[in-house]
Protein backbone atom coordinates (compact mmCIF):
# COMPACT_ATOMS: atom_id res chain seq x y z
CA MET A 1 -14.78 80.62 80.14
CA ALA A 2 -16.93 77.79 79.00
CA LEU A 3 -15.37 74.43 78.91
CA GLY A 4 -16.43 73.82 75.31
CA ALA A 5 -14.66 76.91 74.03
CA THR A 6 -11.45 76.57 72.12
CA SER A 7 -8.84 79.07 71.21
CA LYS A 8 -7.52 79.72 67.72
CA ASP A 9 -4.28 78.07 68.70
CA ASP A 10 -6.18 74.92 69.50
CA THR A 11 -7.70 74.63 65.98
CA PRO A 12 -6.86 71.21 64.70
CA GLN A 13 -4.32 71.37 61.91
CA ARG A 14 -4.67 69.33 58.76
CA PRO A 15 -1.70 67.12 58.03
CA VAL A 16 0.52 68.51 55.32
CA LYS A 17 1.08 66.04 52.48
CA ALA A 18 4.69 65.43 51.61
CA ALA A 19 5.69 66.40 48.08
CA ALA A 20 5.58 63.43 45.76
CA ALA A 21 9.03 62.20 44.93
CA VAL A 22 9.87 62.56 41.26
CA PRO A 23 11.07 59.19 39.97
CA GLN A 24 14.58 59.38 38.61
CA GLU A 25 15.58 57.36 35.58
CA PRO A 26 18.54 55.10 36.21
CA GLU A 27 21.73 56.21 34.56
CA SER A 28 22.29 54.24 31.38
CA GLU A 29 25.64 52.48 31.17
CA LEU A 30 27.34 52.33 27.79
CA PRO A 31 29.01 49.09 26.83
CA PRO A 32 32.80 49.23 27.04
CA LEU A 33 34.66 50.04 23.86
CA PRO A 34 36.18 47.02 22.21
CA LYS A 35 39.92 46.69 22.56
CA LEU A 36 41.49 46.69 19.15
CA ARG A 37 44.06 44.07 18.36
CA PRO A 38 46.44 44.06 15.41
CA LYS A 39 45.39 41.65 12.70
CA VAL A 40 47.83 40.01 10.33
CA VAL A 41 47.01 40.83 6.72
CA GLU A 42 46.64 37.58 4.83
CA PRO A 43 48.39 37.58 1.44
CA VAL A 44 46.12 37.33 -1.58
CA ALA A 45 46.78 36.17 -5.07
CA GLY A 46 48.44 38.86 -7.15
CA ASP A 47 49.95 40.69 -4.17
CA THR A 48 53.67 41.36 -4.51
CA GLY A 49 54.32 40.48 -0.88
CA ALA A 50 57.01 43.15 -0.65
CA SER A 51 55.84 44.14 2.84
CA VAL A 52 53.56 42.40 5.30
CA THR A 53 52.11 44.85 7.81
CA THR A 54 49.77 44.65 10.77
CA ASP A 55 46.93 46.94 11.74
CA PRO A 56 48.22 49.07 14.65
CA GLY A 57 44.70 49.94 15.84
CA LEU A 58 44.04 53.27 17.57
CA GLU A 59 46.67 53.06 20.26
CA GLU A 60 49.49 54.00 17.91
CA VAL A 61 49.36 57.24 16.01
CA GLY A 62 52.33 56.45 13.82
CA PRO A 63 55.43 58.50 13.14
CA LYS A 64 55.21 62.26 12.84
CA PRO A 65 55.41 63.50 9.22
CA THR A 66 58.77 65.03 8.40
CA ARG A 67 57.58 66.93 5.33
CA ALA A 68 54.42 68.21 3.74
CA ALA A 69 52.32 65.70 1.86
CA SER A 70 52.38 65.97 -1.88
CA GLY A 71 49.11 66.48 -3.68
CA ALA A 72 50.18 64.38 -6.62
CA ARG A 73 49.60 60.64 -6.52
CA PRO A 74 52.11 58.28 -8.07
CA ARG A 75 50.96 56.95 -11.40
CA ARG A 76 50.71 53.21 -11.79
CA ALA A 77 52.44 51.75 -14.76
CA VAL A 78 49.94 50.29 -17.17
CA GLY A 79 50.70 46.95 -18.73
CA HIS A 80 53.62 46.09 -16.40
CA THR A 81 51.71 43.89 -13.96
CA ASP A 82 52.04 40.26 -14.98
CA ILE A 83 48.98 38.50 -13.59
CA THR A 84 50.25 35.17 -14.90
CA LYS A 85 53.43 35.10 -12.76
CA ALA A 86 53.62 33.82 -9.21
CA THR A 87 55.65 35.53 -6.48
CA ALA A 88 57.91 33.82 -3.95
CA LEU A 89 57.99 35.54 -0.56
CA ALA A 90 60.94 35.85 1.78
CA ASN A 91 59.43 33.33 4.22
CA GLY A 92 59.55 30.54 1.65
CA VAL A 93 55.93 30.40 0.55
CA ALA A 94 54.53 31.73 -2.73
CA LEU A 95 51.52 33.63 -3.99
CA PRO A 96 49.75 32.11 -7.00
CA PRO A 97 49.08 34.33 -9.99
CA LEU A 98 45.65 35.85 -10.49
CA GLU A 99 45.16 34.11 -13.79
CA ALA A 100 46.32 30.50 -13.82
CA PRO A 101 44.73 27.08 -14.22
CA GLU A 102 43.39 25.55 -11.03
CA GLU A 103 46.06 22.83 -11.12
CA VAL A 104 48.79 25.48 -11.06
CA LYS A 105 47.27 27.15 -8.00
CA GLN A 106 46.97 23.77 -6.29
CA ILE A 107 50.63 22.99 -6.98
CA ILE A 108 51.70 26.29 -5.41
CA GLU A 109 49.42 25.86 -2.41
CA ALA A 110 50.69 22.31 -1.85
CA GLY A 111 54.26 23.56 -2.08
CA ASN A 112 53.45 26.16 0.58
CA ILE A 113 52.38 23.39 2.97
CA ILE A 114 55.83 21.76 2.97
CA ALA A 115 57.92 24.76 1.95
CA ARG A 116 59.62 25.12 5.33
CA SER A 117 59.85 21.43 6.18
CA PRO A 118 63.45 20.26 6.64
CA TYR A 119 65.30 18.42 3.93
CA VAL A 120 65.28 14.67 4.62
CA TRP A 121 66.76 12.19 2.15
CA GLY A 122 63.96 9.84 1.12
CA GLY A 123 61.36 12.04 2.78
CA GLY A 124 57.95 12.02 1.11
CA HIS A 125 58.43 8.62 -0.51
CA GLY A 126 57.13 6.44 2.31
CA LYS A 127 54.12 8.64 3.07
CA TRP A 128 52.72 11.92 1.78
CA LEU A 129 52.69 13.73 5.13
CA ASP A 130 56.24 13.30 6.32
CA THR A 131 58.60 15.03 8.76
CA GLY A 132 60.74 16.21 5.84
CA TYR A 133 61.16 15.89 2.08
CA ASP A 134 63.92 15.44 -0.44
CA CYS A 135 63.89 17.01 -3.90
CA SER A 136 61.81 14.35 -5.66
CA GLY A 137 59.56 13.83 -2.64
CA SER A 138 58.66 17.51 -2.49
CA VAL A 139 58.05 17.79 -6.24
CA SER A 140 55.93 14.62 -6.16
CA PHE A 141 53.92 15.98 -3.23
CA ALA A 142 53.06 19.20 -5.07
CA LEU A 143 52.15 17.40 -8.31
CA ALA A 144 50.03 14.81 -6.50
CA ALA A 145 48.09 17.52 -4.67
CA ALA A 146 46.96 18.81 -8.07
CA GLY A 147 45.88 15.33 -9.13
CA LEU A 148 48.80 14.88 -11.54
CA LEU A 149 50.51 11.99 -9.70
CA SER A 150 49.13 8.95 -7.91
CA GLY A 151 52.37 8.14 -6.08
CA PRO A 152 55.82 9.62 -5.39
CA LEU A 153 58.52 9.28 -8.04
CA ALA A 154 62.29 9.57 -7.75
CA SER A 155 64.26 11.97 -9.93
CA GLY A 156 65.16 9.23 -12.44
CA PRO A 157 61.57 8.25 -13.31
CA LEU A 158 60.61 11.92 -13.46
CA MET A 159 62.99 12.28 -16.42
CA SER A 160 60.42 10.43 -18.55
CA TRP A 161 57.23 11.55 -16.82
CA GLY A 162 54.61 13.66 -18.59
CA GLU A 163 55.29 15.38 -21.91
CA PRO A 164 58.75 16.32 -23.25
CA GLY A 165 59.98 19.92 -23.21
CA ARG A 166 59.00 23.05 -21.36
CA GLY A 167 55.41 23.64 -20.37
CA LYS A 168 53.43 26.87 -20.45
CA TRP A 169 52.86 26.87 -16.69
CA VAL A 170 54.83 23.97 -15.19
CA THR A 171 58.21 22.50 -16.15
CA ILE A 172 59.97 19.71 -14.28
CA TYR A 173 63.76 19.59 -14.64
CA ALA A 174 65.19 16.20 -13.70
CA ASN A 175 68.37 14.15 -13.93
CA GLN A 176 69.58 11.08 -12.08
CA GLY A 177 70.66 13.06 -9.02
CA HIS A 178 68.29 15.97 -8.64
CA VAL A 179 64.91 17.38 -9.69
CA PHE A 180 63.25 20.77 -9.38
CA MET A 181 60.45 22.55 -11.19
CA GLU A 182 59.39 25.96 -12.37
CA VAL A 183 55.77 26.95 -11.77
CA ALA A 184 54.32 30.18 -13.14
CA GLY A 185 57.78 31.76 -13.38
CA ILE A 186 59.20 30.81 -9.96
CA ARG A 187 61.35 27.88 -8.84
CA PHE A 188 60.45 25.04 -6.47
CA ASP A 189 63.77 23.56 -5.39
CA THR A 190 65.49 22.12 -2.33
CA SER A 191 68.89 23.53 -3.31
CA GLY A 192 70.22 27.05 -3.23
CA GLN A 193 68.45 28.01 -0.02
CA ARG A 194 69.91 29.78 2.99
CA VAL A 195 66.94 28.77 5.13
CA THR A 196 66.39 25.04 5.59
CA GLY A 197 63.35 23.77 3.73
CA SER A 198 62.45 27.09 2.08
CA ARG A 199 61.76 25.89 -1.45
CA TRP A 200 59.99 28.65 -3.44
CA GLN A 201 62.41 31.08 -5.05
CA ASN A 202 62.09 33.92 -7.53
CA VAL A 203 65.62 33.40 -8.84
CA LEU A 204 65.89 30.73 -11.52
CA ARG A 205 68.92 28.49 -12.06
CA SER A 206 70.76 26.89 -14.93
CA THR A 207 68.94 23.96 -16.48
CA SER A 208 72.04 22.54 -18.17
CA GLY A 209 72.22 18.78 -17.66
CA PHE A 210 68.52 18.44 -16.86
CA VAL A 211 65.69 16.90 -18.90
CA ALA A 212 62.67 19.18 -19.25
CA ARG A 213 59.23 17.62 -18.85
CA HIS A 214 55.78 19.09 -18.25
CA PRO A 215 52.27 17.89 -17.34
CA GLU A 216 49.98 17.45 -20.31
CA GLY A 217 48.11 20.68 -20.99
CA LEU A 218 50.21 22.74 -18.58
C-alpha cells in the first residue's frame, strides 16, 4: 500500500458548528403593590359629623351581610337640610355652615383652635396664644380672629360692645360674671361641658340675665 494512500476513516472531518444560543429576555419584575393605609376622612362644611370613619383598605372585607340588600334607596328629605346652621361635633370642634359670611366661618375655625384648651381664669387676656382661656378670653379670641376685635375684652365691657340685640349670625350674651355666644345656631361656651375645654355645643342655654349684643352686620 502506497504511503500516500488514505482510508475513508482517515478523511479529515469538518468541525461541527455549535448551535447558536437563542438570547433569552430577562424576566420583567413588577413593582410591588402599594400597601394601603387607612386615611382619616376630614370633615367638610355641611357634613353632619354623626360618624367619622376611616378607609379600611383592602385588607378588611367588612362584616358579612345578615340579610338581603334592598333594591330601594332611602329618599332624602327635601327642604330639611339647613345650610345656614353650624354643627358641633362630639370632640368639641364645629363644622361651619355651607352658606355663611366669611367672618362667621373664621369665628368657628378660631373657636376650633382653642376648643379643647383647658379653662384658665384670665387666660387669653395677656396674650392671644395662651395655655388656656376663660369665658371672655375665648370669646375675644374667636372674634379677633375674624377681625372684629383688636384686643381681648372682659365680660363686663362685652355687655356694651357691638350692636344691641340678637344678630342674624352671631350673638354675644354677657353679664358681669360670664359671657358666651351663639354662632350660626350653636353655642360657644366654657360652661356646661363634661370635657374640659370643649366649648362648641349644639344645645343652647337660657339667656335670662344676659345682655345680647352682636357684631355690626352679623
